[in-house]
């Protein structure tokens, strides 16, 4: 086998030949030298070039080696990795698919193929690929958890749930797996199973508090009175010295939510206040920077001419302040056969930031961004015309949306500012984009910025923008949805009677959207007015 010294000598010879006769000549000499050598030497030499950052010569070596040794899974895997880095996805897919036909239990090849599918937005293919692996192999718990995490990231909740339950049924007692099973079950609306899985995790691993299992328990149901055993369980969790500040904050939010359920608003307000004070210490969010960002968006420079509209489907963005009804609107519209709800995608904020950092924005850069986003929005499992992205804070980038997708439409969700502020303040958010949520003055700044920007876009954007008021939706859902459907030119459907799609809900509204529409959240702030003076002081009704 080629050792490091021989490898260094071979690279030195390649460099000398490249300097004297050019890289093409040096490559051909190197290929000829390796022609009679075993596959291990080809692989070692290619790895050395990869370490040097010379992926082109490494690719040439691996391409030739896979022709000479088509049965070598290591060569095929290495070459597929290089092809993936070069974004030659079709060739990488073909190579890995052939490899898995010969070796269906190859874990590394399976994960690489799944990640290549993920890069292209082929999330259904991710689910099929990962699921096929575990039909053929009994593997270690770490690989199973890695698979569950990848399926979860790709929105393949049903496949992730099936893998969790299959492994649990086979006898696994790993608390991490139970916590994942609980998280996915709650997102799929299987609240009883979620509770069972989370209780197991809490009983078998103290770190389950760090995984926010106590908060998840309270989000999986509505309490009727304080005699429920969860109240004692939450107090016990709060007293444990092993809980760090993040875990303690989540437990305090859980206690606030539980007491809110039973109408003990004074106690709920106290727990929420303690929870927010602790959570606010754990984040860094600048009100000044937010206001500067809003001003910058209001005075944003003119973008290039809009790109050509996409064919066959159109993006539908549901925006507004968090907790303003975006999840409910998306879930209801997603019941229509011509609408697909993708949930909250992180791609547009990421791509907008990438464009901003690039400096000059030209048409080619916009096309690349649009293509990347559309792959992740369209995916490979729906022929619906309207594809929903309900990331609320996309209201920051309506001008970019209009440039990238001139046939897109915007639904703006609005709700009473006091109810919105209270709802935000009583939630513990996973995403850093909501780090403003733990201070009422910060919440007020965000709501004001949202209102200013949406007023600006409604005046200046060429995109159609339809406003949905939460109060109207909750009190008169039939007519509100009918008006929304007519605006989207959807065929008439009774969305309230339609069977909800078995999609996952990963936001704080995961319980509410599974229930019949109710209006009791309208004016909810009034129950807290005596305990939280900021609601009247900082927010108009």
Protein backbone atom coordinates (compact mmCIF):
# COMPACT_ATOMS: atom_id res chain seq x y z
CA UNK A 1 0.00 0.00 0.00
CA UNK A 2 1.14 3.55 -0.71
CA UNK A 3 2.58 4.99 2.50
CA UNK A 4 2.79 8.70 3.39
CA UNK A 5 6.42 8.99 2.20
CA UNK A 6 5.69 7.44 -1.17
CA UNK A 7 2.57 9.54 -1.37
CA UNK A 8 4.55 12.70 -0.71
CA UNK A 9 7.07 11.67 -3.34
CA UNK A 10 4.35 10.97 -5.87
CA UNK A 11 2.77 14.40 -5.24
CA UNK A 12 6.19 16.04 -5.57
CA UNK A 13 6.71 14.31 -8.92
CA UNK A 14 3.27 15.48 -10.03
CA UNK A 15 4.08 19.07 -9.06
CA UNK A 16 7.39 19.02 -10.95
CA UNK A 17 5.72 17.60 -14.05
CA UNK A 18 2.91 20.17 -13.80
CA UNK A 19 5.42 23.04 -13.58
CA UNK A 20 7.41 21.75 -16.54
CA UNK A 21 4.72 20.37 -18.87
CA UNK A 22 1.36 21.48 -17.45
CA UNK A 23 -1.29 19.90 -15.24
CA UNK A 24 -2.87 17.79 -18.00
CA UNK A 25 0.47 16.11 -18.74
CA UNK A 26 1.22 15.62 -15.04
CA UNK A 27 -2.21 14.10 -14.48
CA UNK A 28 -1.79 11.63 -17.35
CA UNK A 29 1.65 10.58 -16.04
CA UNK A 30 0.22 10.00 -12.57
CA UNK A 31 -2.66 7.96 -13.95
CA UNK A 32 -0.26 5.83 -15.94
CA UNK A 33 1.94 5.26 -12.89
CA UNK A 34 -0.99 4.03 -10.82
CA UNK A 35 -2.56 1.91 -13.57
CA UNK A 36 -1.25 -1.43 -12.25
CA UNK A 37 -1.60 -0.61 -8.57
CA UNK A 38 -4.32 -1.97 -6.25
CA UNK A 39 -7.40 0.16 -5.37
CA UNK A 40 -6.02 1.02 -1.93
CA UNK A 41 -3.16 2.97 -3.50
CA UNK A 42 -5.50 4.91 -5.78
CA UNK A 43 -7.64 5.78 -2.78
CA UNK A 44 -4.68 6.83 -0.63
CA UNK A 45 -3.25 8.98 -3.39
CA UNK A 46 -6.63 10.65 -4.02
CA UNK A 47 -6.97 11.38 -0.30
CA UNK A 48 -3.59 13.06 -0.24
CA UNK A 49 -4.64 15.35 -3.08
CA UNK A 50 -7.90 16.09 -1.26
CA UNK A 51 -5.92 17.08 1.83
CA UNK A 52 -3.98 19.49 -0.37
CA UNK A 53 -7.22 20.99 -1.63
CA UNK A 54 -6.69 19.70 -5.18
CA UNK A 55 -10.08 18.10 -5.76
CA UNK A 56 -9.79 18.18 -9.56
CA UNK A 57 -6.85 15.77 -9.71
CA UNK A 58 -8.42 13.70 -6.91
CA UNK A 59 -11.61 13.50 -8.99
CA UNK A 60 -9.63 12.37 -12.05
CA UNK A 61 -7.89 9.67 -10.01
CA UNK A 62 -11.11 8.37 -8.51
CA UNK A 63 -12.95 8.42 -11.82
CA UNK A 64 -10.30 6.23 -13.42
CA UNK A 65 -10.03 3.99 -10.36
CA UNK A 66 -13.78 3.25 -10.31
CA UNK A 67 -13.53 2.12 -13.93
CA UNK A 68 -10.65 -0.20 -13.13
CA UNK A 69 -12.18 -1.49 -9.89
CA UNK A 70 -15.97 -1.24 -10.18
CA UNK A 71 -16.45 -3.60 -7.23
CA UNK A 72 -14.62 -1.31 -4.76
CA UNK A 73 -17.24 0.33 -2.54
CA UNK A 74 -14.60 2.56 -0.90
CA UNK A 75 -13.57 4.03 -4.26
CA UNK A 76 -17.18 4.55 -5.31
CA UNK A 77 -18.01 6.25 -2.01
CA UNK A 78 -14.98 8.56 -2.21
CA UNK A 79 -15.72 9.49 -5.82
CA UNK A 80 -19.38 10.19 -5.01
CA UNK A 81 -18.23 12.50 -2.22
CA UNK A 82 -16.05 14.47 -4.65
CA UNK A 83 -18.87 14.66 -7.20
CA UNK A 84 -21.19 15.95 -4.48
CA UNK A 85 -18.72 18.67 -3.53
CA UNK A 86 -18.59 19.67 -7.20
CA UNK A 87 -22.42 19.73 -7.22
CA UNK A 88 -22.49 17.06 -9.88
CA UNK A 89 -25.47 15.54 -8.12
CA UNK A 90 -26.80 13.31 -10.95
CA UNK A 91 -23.49 11.46 -11.28
CA UNK A 92 -23.10 11.16 -7.51
CA UNK A 93 -26.65 9.83 -7.20
CA UNK A 94 -26.11 7.26 -9.94
CA UNK A 95 -22.85 6.04 -8.41
CA UNK A 96 -24.29 5.72 -4.91
CA UNK A 97 -27.50 4.10 -6.14
CA UNK A 98 -25.47 1.44 -7.95
CA UNK A 99 -23.31 0.96 -4.86
CA UNK A 100 -26.39 0.47 -2.66
CA UNK A 101 -27.84 -2.05 -5.10
CA UNK A 102 -24.74 -4.15 -4.46
CA UNK A 103 -24.41 -3.28 -0.76
CA UNK A 104 -27.83 -2.23 0.64
CA UNK A 105 -26.44 -2.28 4.20
CA UNK A 106 -23.77 0.37 3.49
CA UNK A 107 -24.55 2.99 6.14
CA UNK A 108 -22.06 5.64 4.96
CA UNK A 109 -23.26 5.45 1.35
CA UNK A 110 -26.89 5.66 2.47
CA UNK A 111 -26.33 8.80 4.50
CA UNK A 112 -24.29 10.46 1.76
CA UNK A 113 -27.00 9.74 -0.82
CA UNK A 114 -29.68 11.04 1.54
CA UNK A 115 -27.73 14.26 2.14
CA UNK A 116 -27.31 14.76 -1.62
CA UNK A 117 -31.08 14.41 -2.00
CA UNK A 118 -31.55 16.91 0.84
CA UNK A 119 -29.34 19.46 -0.92
CA UNK A 120 -31.67 19.30 -3.91
CA UNK A 121 -34.88 19.44 -1.91
CA UNK A 122 -35.73 15.80 -2.68
CA UNK A 123 -37.07 15.13 0.78
CA UNK A 124 -39.32 12.24 -0.23
CA UNK A 125 -36.24 10.53 -1.67
CA UNK A 126 -34.46 11.10 1.65
CA UNK A 127 -37.24 9.28 3.45
CA UNK A 128 -37.22 6.35 1.02
CA UNK A 129 -33.42 6.02 1.15
CA UNK A 130 -33.10 6.10 4.95
CA UNK A 131 -36.08 3.80 5.47
CA UNK A 132 -34.66 1.26 3.02
CA UNK A 133 -31.42 1.03 5.01
CA UNK A 134 -33.16 -0.03 8.19
CA UNK A 135 -35.09 -2.72 6.37
CA UNK A 136 -31.74 -4.39 5.66
CA UNK A 137 -29.61 -3.77 8.71
CA UNK A 138 -29.71 -3.82 12.50
CA UNK A 139 -27.37 -1.03 13.44
CA UNK A 140 -26.15 0.86 16.48
CA UNK A 141 -28.23 3.43 18.33
CA UNK A 142 -25.99 6.31 17.23
CA UNK A 143 -26.71 5.60 13.55
CA UNK A 144 -30.41 5.33 14.31
CA UNK A 145 -30.45 8.68 16.10
CA UNK A 146 -28.47 10.23 13.24
CA UNK A 147 -31.09 8.89 10.83
CA UNK A 148 -33.96 10.23 12.94
CA UNK A 149 -32.31 13.65 13.09
CA UNK A 150 -31.80 13.74 9.32
CA UNK A 151 -35.39 12.67 8.65
CA UNK A 152 -36.62 15.32 11.08
CA UNK A 153 -34.52 18.04 9.42
CA UNK A 154 -36.01 17.05 6.05
CA UNK A 155 -39.57 17.17 7.32
CA UNK A 156 -40.01 13.40 6.96
CA UNK A 157 -41.74 13.07 10.31
CA UNK A 158 -43.70 9.91 9.54
CA UNK A 159 -40.57 8.00 8.52
CA UNK A 160 -38.75 9.32 11.59
CA UNK A 161 -41.62 8.26 13.85
CA UNK A 162 -41.72 4.80 12.27
CA UNK A 163 -37.99 4.33 12.82
CA UNK A 164 -38.25 5.45 16.46
CA UNK A 165 -41.15 3.14 17.20
CA UNK A 166 -39.56 0.19 15.39
CA UNK A 167 -36.40 0.59 17.46
CA UNK A 168 -38.33 0.98 20.71
CA UNK A 169 -40.40 -2.12 19.87
CA UNK A 170 -37.14 -4.02 19.33
CA UNK A 171 -36.18 -3.29 22.95
CA UNK A 172 -34.22 -0.05 22.94
CA UNK A 173 -34.26 1.82 26.24
CA UNK A 174 -32.18 4.81 25.11
CA UNK A 175 -33.84 7.90 26.60
CA UNK A 176 -32.65 10.04 23.71
CA UNK A 177 -34.64 7.92 21.29
CA UNK A 178 -37.73 8.19 23.49
CA UNK A 179 -37.35 11.97 23.61
CA UNK A 180 -37.08 12.12 19.81
CA UNK A 181 -40.10 9.83 19.53
CA UNK A 182 -42.04 12.17 21.82
CA UNK A 183 -41.01 15.27 19.89
CA UNK A 184 -42.07 13.79 16.56
CA UNK A 185 -45.30 12.31 17.94
CA UNK A 186 -46.35 15.68 19.33
CA UNK A 187 -45.67 17.37 16.00
CA UNK A 188 -47.81 14.76 14.25
CA UNK A 189 -50.63 15.31 16.74
CA UNK A 190 -50.25 11.95 18.51
CA UNK A 191 -50.38 13.53 21.95
CA UNK A 192 -50.97 10.42 24.05
CA UNK A 193 -47.97 8.63 22.56
CA UNK A 194 -45.88 11.80 22.94
CA UNK A 195 -46.74 11.93 26.64
CA UNK A 196 -45.80 8.27 27.13
CA UNK A 197 -42.46 8.72 25.40
CA UNK A 198 -41.56 11.93 27.25
CA UNK A 199 -42.41 10.42 30.65
CA UNK A 200 -40.07 7.50 29.90
CA UNK A 201 -37.27 9.90 28.95
CA UNK A 202 -37.74 11.94 32.14
CA UNK A 203 -37.73 8.80 34.28
CA UNK A 204 -34.57 7.38 32.73
CA UNK A 205 -32.27 10.32 32.02
CA UNK A 206 -31.94 13.58 33.98
CA UNK A 207 -30.83 15.29 30.77
CA UNK A 208 -34.41 15.01 29.52
CA UNK A 209 -35.02 18.32 31.28
CA UNK A 210 -32.40 19.88 29.00
CA UNK A 211 -34.32 18.40 26.07
CA UNK A 212 -37.35 20.37 27.34
CA UNK A 213 -39.41 17.26 28.00
CA UNK A 214 -41.38 18.94 30.85
CA UNK A 215 -42.45 21.79 28.57
CA UNK A 216 -43.36 19.33 25.83
CA UNK A 217 -45.60 17.45 28.25
CA UNK A 218 -47.63 20.57 28.97
CA UNK A 219 -47.89 21.44 25.27
CA UNK A 220 -49.42 18.04 24.55
CA UNK A 221 -52.64 18.69 26.46
CA UNK A 222 -54.96 21.09 28.30
CA UNK A 223 -55.23 20.81 32.08
CA UNK A 224 -58.52 21.07 33.97
CA UNK A 225 -57.28 21.41 37.54
CA UNK A 226 -54.14 21.38 39.66
CA UNK A 227 -54.69 17.80 40.78
CA UNK A 228 -53.15 16.53 37.57
CA UNK A 229 -49.87 14.70 38.37
CA UNK A 230 -47.93 16.92 35.97
CA UNK A 231 -48.16 19.82 38.43
CA UNK A 232 -46.22 17.85 41.03
CA UNK A 233 -43.86 16.52 38.36
CA UNK A 234 -43.05 20.03 37.17
CA UNK A 235 -42.36 21.23 40.71
CA UNK A 236 -40.07 18.24 41.25
CA UNK A 237 -38.19 19.04 38.02
CA UNK A 238 -37.80 22.65 39.10
CA UNK A 239 -36.22 21.61 42.39
CA UNK A 240 -33.61 19.37 40.82
CA UNK A 241 -30.15 20.86 41.11
CA UNK A 242 -29.00 19.19 37.88
CA UNK A 243 -31.18 21.50 35.76
CA UNK A 244 -29.26 24.31 34.05
CA UNK A 245 -30.74 27.76 33.50
CA UNK A 246 -32.09 26.92 30.06
CA UNK A 247 -33.84 23.84 31.40
CA UNK A 248 -35.17 25.77 34.41
CA UNK A 249 -36.54 28.49 32.13
CA UNK A 250 -38.41 25.90 30.08
CA UNK A 251 -39.85 24.33 33.25
CA UNK A 252 -41.03 27.75 34.43
CA UNK A 253 -42.74 28.30 31.06
CA UNK A 254 -44.35 24.87 31.49
CA UNK A 255 -45.67 25.81 34.94
CA UNK A 256 -47.00 29.09 33.58
CA UNK A 257 -48.80 27.30 30.77
CA UNK A 258 -50.29 24.68 33.13
CA UNK A 259 -51.69 27.34 35.47
CA UNK A 260 -52.98 29.35 32.52
CA UNK A 261 -54.94 26.25 31.42
CA UNK A 262 -56.78 26.07 34.75
CA UNK A 263 -57.47 29.81 34.88
CA UNK A 264 -55.04 30.62 37.72
CA UNK A 265 -53.74 33.70 35.93
CA UNK A 266 -52.01 35.27 38.92
CA UNK A 267 -49.82 32.20 39.42
CA UNK A 268 -49.33 31.80 35.68
CA UNK A 269 -48.17 35.43 35.39
CA UNK A 270 -45.65 34.89 38.18
CA UNK A 271 -44.17 31.80 36.53
CA UNK A 272 -44.12 33.47 33.10
CA UNK A 273 -42.35 36.50 34.58
CA UNK A 274 -39.67 34.34 36.19
CA UNK A 275 -39.31 32.27 33.00
CA UNK A 276 -38.87 35.31 30.77
CA UNK A 277 -36.38 36.95 33.14
CA UNK A 278 -34.25 33.80 33.08
CA UNK A 279 -34.60 33.27 29.32
CA UNK A 280 -33.75 36.91 28.62
CA UNK A 281 -30.44 36.44 30.44
CA UNK A 282 -29.58 33.59 28.09
CA UNK A 283 -30.00 35.51 24.82
CA UNK A 284 -28.52 38.57 23.19
CA UNK A 285 -30.99 40.68 21.24
CA UNK A 286 -30.50 44.36 20.44
CA UNK A 287 -33.54 46.61 20.15
CA UNK A 288 -31.32 49.25 18.60
CA UNK A 289 -30.05 46.86 15.93
CA UNK A 290 -33.60 45.74 15.16
CA UNK A 291 -34.76 49.32 14.64
CA UNK A 292 -31.76 50.00 12.44
CA UNK A 293 -32.58 46.92 10.39
CA UNK A 294 -36.17 48.09 9.93
CA UNK A 295 -35.00 51.54 8.81
CA UNK A 296 -32.56 49.91 6.40
CA UNK A 297 -35.34 47.81 4.90
CA UNK A 298 -37.58 50.87 4.53
CA UNK A 299 -34.78 52.64 2.67
CA UNK A 300 -33.56 49.58 0.80
CA UNK A 301 -31.88 49.98 -2.57
CA UNK A 302 -33.63 49.11 -5.79
CA UNK A 303 -33.14 45.51 -6.87
CA UNK A 304 -32.67 44.37 -10.47
CA UNK A 305 -35.69 43.67 -12.66
CA UNK A 306 -37.83 40.73 -11.52
CA UNK A 307 -36.93 37.27 -12.74
CA UNK A 308 -39.29 35.32 -14.97
CA UNK A 309 -42.09 33.69 -12.93
CA UNK A 310 -41.79 30.00 -12.20
CA UNK A 311 -44.10 27.67 -14.09
CA UNK A 312 -46.51 25.07 -12.73
CA UNK A 313 -46.58 26.41 -9.17
CA UNK A 314 -46.23 29.59 -7.14
CA UNK A 315 -44.87 30.46 -3.69
CA UNK A 316 -47.39 31.61 -1.09
CA UNK A 317 -45.83 33.45 1.83
CA UNK A 318 -47.73 33.79 5.10
CA UNK A 319 -46.15 36.56 7.16
CA UNK A 320 -46.79 38.64 10.24
CA UNK A 321 -45.71 38.79 13.85
CA UNK A 322 -45.20 35.43 15.56
CA UNK A 323 -48.37 34.15 17.24
CA UNK A 324 -50.60 36.20 14.93
CA UNK A 325 -52.33 33.20 13.32
CA UNK A 326 -49.83 32.23 10.61
CA UNK A 327 -49.81 28.54 11.62
CA UNK A 328 -53.61 28.34 11.71
CA UNK A 329 -53.98 29.95 8.28
CA UNK A 330 -51.33 27.68 6.78
CA UNK A 331 -52.89 24.54 8.27
CA UNK A 332 -56.38 25.42 7.03
CA UNK A 333 -55.23 26.32 3.52
CA UNK A 334 -53.10 23.17 3.42
CA UNK A 335 -56.30 21.11 3.48
CA UNK A 336 -57.03 22.23 -0.08
CA UNK A 337 -55.72 19.83 -2.77
CA UNK A 338 -54.10 22.71 -4.69
CA UNK A 339 -52.14 23.93 -1.65
CA UNK A 340 -49.10 22.37 0.04
CA UNK A 341 -48.00 23.66 3.43
CA UNK A 342 -44.20 23.46 3.86
CA UNK A 343 -44.24 25.07 7.30
CA UNK A 344 -41.59 27.55 8.39
CA UNK A 345 -38.64 27.35 6.02
CA UNK A 346 -35.37 28.96 7.09
CA UNK A 347 -34.13 29.34 3.52
CA UNK A 348 -35.31 32.82 2.54
CA UNK A 349 -33.71 34.65 5.51
CA UNK A 350 -30.50 32.69 4.92
CA UNK A 351 -30.40 33.45 1.20
CA UNK A 352 -31.30 37.11 1.77
CA UNK A 353 -28.36 37.42 4.14
CA UNK A 354 -26.08 35.70 1.63
CA UNK A 355 -27.08 38.20 -1.05
CA UNK A 356 -26.56 41.10 1.34
CA UNK A 357 -23.05 39.96 2.22
CA UNK A 358 -22.20 39.48 -1.46
CA UNK A 359 -22.37 43.23 -2.07
CA UNK A 360 -23.33 43.69 -5.71
CA UNK A 361 -26.55 41.87 -6.61
CA UNK A 362 -26.90 40.92 -10.27
CA UNK A 363 -29.37 38.81 -12.20
CA UNK A 364 -27.18 35.71 -12.12
CA UNK A 365 -26.91 35.85 -8.32
CA UNK A 366 -30.68 36.26 -8.07
CA UNK A 367 -31.26 33.25 -10.33
CA UNK A 368 -29.00 31.07 -8.19
CA UNK A 369 -30.79 32.16 -5.03
CA UNK A 370 -34.22 31.60 -6.61
CA UNK A 371 -33.26 28.13 -7.86
CA UNK A 372 -31.93 27.12 -4.43
CA UNK A 373 -35.04 28.33 -2.65
CA UNK A 374 -37.47 26.77 -5.12
CA UNK A 375 -35.79 23.36 -4.80
CA UNK A 376 -36.41 23.44 -1.06
CA UNK A 377 -39.97 24.75 -1.46
CA UNK A 378 -41.20 22.49 -4.27
CA UNK A 379 -39.45 19.30 -3.14
CA UNK A 380 -40.50 16.00 -4.71
CA UNK A 381 -43.76 14.93 -3.12
CA UNK A 382 -46.50 17.35 -4.24
CA UNK A 383 -48.06 18.69 -7.42
CA UNK A 384 -49.98 21.47 -5.65
CA UNK A 385 -49.98 24.89 -7.30
CA UNK A 386 -49.59 27.00 -4.15
CA UNK A 387 -46.58 26.13 -2.00
CA UNK A 388 -46.73 27.73 1.46
CA UNK A 389 -43.77 29.11 3.38
CA UNK A 390 -45.11 30.39 6.68
CA UNK A 391 -41.94 31.80 8.21
CA UNK A 392 -43.54 34.88 9.88
CA UNK A 393 -40.47 37.11 9.68
CA UNK A 394 -40.33 36.87 5.89
CA UNK A 395 -42.07 40.25 6.05
CA UNK A 396 -38.53 41.63 6.22
CA UNK A 397 -37.88 40.56 2.61
CA UNK A 398 -41.04 41.27 0.62
CA UNK A 399 -39.05 43.29 -1.93
CA UNK A 400 -36.69 40.37 -2.51
CA UNK A 401 -39.65 38.00 -2.81
CA UNK A 402 -41.18 40.25 -5.50
CA UNK A 403 -37.90 40.21 -7.44
CA UNK A 404 -37.30 36.47 -7.18
CA UNK A 405 -40.89 35.29 -7.58
CA UNK A 406 -43.12 37.82 -9.37
CA UNK A 407 -46.05 35.39 -9.33
CA UNK A 408 -45.89 34.91 -5.53
CA UNK A 409 -48.61 36.12 -3.20
CA UNK A 410 -48.47 37.33 0.38
CA UNK A 411 -50.90 36.65 3.21
CA UNK A 412 -50.42 39.07 6.10
CA UNK A 413 -51.76 37.87 9.45
CA UNK A 414 -52.74 40.49 12.01
CA UNK A 415 -53.96 40.17 15.56
CA UNK A 416 -54.62 42.43 18.55
CA UNK A 417 -51.22 43.67 19.67
CA UNK A 418 -51.97 42.94 23.33
CA UNK A 419 -53.05 39.38 22.62
CA UNK A 420 -50.07 38.91 20.31
CA UNK A 421 -47.61 40.28 22.86
CA UNK A 422 -48.99 38.11 25.65
CA UNK A 423 -48.92 35.01 23.44
CA UNK A 424 -45.31 35.67 22.41
CA UNK A 425 -44.25 36.37 25.99
CA UNK A 426 -45.77 33.13 27.26
CA UNK A 427 -43.84 30.91 24.82
CA UNK A 428 -40.33 29.47 24.93
CA UNK A 429 -39.03 29.60 21.36
CA UNK A 430 -36.46 27.26 19.86
CA UNK A 431 -35.23 29.58 17.10
CA UNK A 432 -32.78 32.40 17.75
CA UNK A 433 -34.77 34.66 15.43
CA UNK A 434 -37.30 34.99 18.28
CA UNK A 435 -34.83 36.05 20.97
CA UNK A 436 -36.82 39.28 21.38
CA UNK A 437 -39.70 37.28 22.92
CA UNK A 438 -38.65 37.55 26.57
CA UNK A 439 -38.94 41.31 27.11
CA UNK A 440 -42.10 43.32 26.49
CA UNK A 441 -40.18 46.37 25.26
CA UNK A 442 -38.42 44.19 22.69
CA UNK A 443 -41.72 42.60 21.66
CA UNK A 444 -43.21 46.08 21.21
CA UNK A 445 -40.29 47.09 18.98
CA UNK A 446 -40.79 44.02 16.78
CA UNK A 447 -44.53 44.56 16.46
CA UNK A 448 -44.00 48.21 15.56
CA UNK A 449 -41.36 47.25 12.98
CA UNK A 450 -43.67 44.62 11.49
CA UNK A 451 -46.51 47.13 11.18
CA UNK A 452 -44.29 49.77 9.58
CA UNK A 453 -42.79 47.38 7.07
CA UNK A 454 -46.09 45.82 6.08
CA UNK A 455 -47.64 49.27 5.60
CA UNK A 456 -44.66 50.13 3.40
CA UNK A 457 -44.88 46.94 1.32
CA UNK A 458 -48.63 47.35 0.83
CA UNK A 459 -47.94 50.73 -0.74
CA UNK A 460 -44.85 49.84 -2.77
CA UNK A 461 -44.81 46.12 -3.58
CA UNK A 462 -46.22 44.86 -6.88
CA UNK A 463 -47.21 41.60 -5.19
CA UNK A 464 -50.83 41.00 -4.15
CA UNK A 465 -51.09 41.15 -0.35
CA UNK A 466 -54.19 39.85 1.46
CA UNK A 467 -54.68 40.63 5.15
CA UNK A 468 -56.26 38.07 7.47
CA UNK A 469 -57.34 39.30 10.90
CA UNK A 470 -57.09 36.59 13.54
CA UNK A 471 -60.21 37.80 15.32
CA UNK A 472 -62.24 37.59 12.12
CA UNK A 473 -60.86 34.14 11.30
CA UNK A 474 -61.67 32.82 14.76
CA UNK A 475 -65.19 34.30 14.94
CA UNK A 476 -66.24 33.79 11.30
CA UNK A 477 -63.94 31.16 9.79
CA UNK A 478 -66.27 30.10 6.97
CA UNK A 479 -66.52 33.52 5.32
CA UNK A 480 -62.91 34.44 6.07
CA UNK A 481 -61.63 31.29 4.37
CA UNK A 482 -64.05 31.68 1.47
CA UNK A 483 -62.68 35.17 0.81
CA UNK A 484 -59.12 33.89 1.04
CA UNK A 485 -59.86 30.99 -1.31
CA UNK A 486 -61.45 33.33 -3.86
CA UNK A 487 -58.40 35.60 -3.71
CA UNK A 488 -56.17 32.59 -4.43
CA UNK A 489 -58.54 31.41 -7.17
CA UNK A 490 -58.97 28.04 -5.48
CA UNK A 491 -61.82 25.71 -6.32
CA UNK A 492 -64.56 25.80 -3.69
CA UNK A 493 -63.83 23.48 -0.78
CA UNK A 494 -65.19 23.33 2.75
CA UNK A 495 -61.83 23.64 4.45
CA UNK A 496 -63.35 23.46 7.91
CA UNK A 497 -64.95 20.11 7.15
CA UNK A 498 -62.02 18.79 5.12
CA UNK A 499 -59.83 16.21 6.76
CA UNK A 500 -56.60 17.89 7.89
CA UNK A 501 -53.46 16.70 6.14
CA UNK A 502 -51.30 14.54 8.38
CA UNK A 503 -48.53 17.10 8.28
CA UNK A 504 -46.33 17.95 11.22
CA UNK A 505 -46.59 21.18 13.15
CA UNK A 506 -43.34 22.24 14.78
CA UNK A 507 -44.36 25.65 16.10
CA UNK A 508 -45.77 26.69 19.47
CA UNK A 509 -49.26 26.35 17.98
CA UNK A 510 -48.97 22.57 17.60
CA UNK A 511 -51.84 21.89 20.02
CA UNK A 512 -54.15 24.72 18.96
CA UNK A 513 -54.17 23.93 15.24
CA UNK A 514 -55.25 20.34 15.98
CA UNK A 515 -58.40 21.61 17.76
CA UNK A 516 -61.61 23.03 16.28
CA UNK A 517 -61.33 26.78 15.72
CA UNK A 518 -62.23 28.64 18.89
CA UNK A 519 -62.51 32.31 19.82
CA UNK A 520 -61.56 32.17 23.51
CA UNK A 521 -58.07 33.52 22.73
CA UNK A 522 -59.62 36.80 21.59
CA UNK A 523 -59.11 39.33 24.37
CA UNK A 524 -57.08 36.85 26.41
CA UNK A 525 -54.83 39.68 27.57
CA UNK A 526 -57.61 41.02 29.80
CA UNK A 527 -57.21 38.07 32.19
CA UNK A 528 -53.63 39.24 32.78
CA UNK A 529 -54.18 42.99 32.84
CA UNK A 530 -53.97 43.22 36.65
CA UNK A 531 -50.74 41.21 36.79
CA UNK A 532 -48.86 42.45 33.73
CA UNK A 533 -49.16 46.26 33.48
CA UNK A 534 -46.89 46.32 30.39
CA UNK A 535 -49.76 45.02 28.27
CA UNK A 536 -51.66 48.32 28.63
CA UNK A 537 -48.60 50.50 28.88
CA UNK A 538 -46.73 49.35 25.76
CA UNK A 539 -49.45 48.07 23.44
CA UNK A 540 -52.63 49.52 22.02
CA UNK A 541 -55.75 47.37 21.97
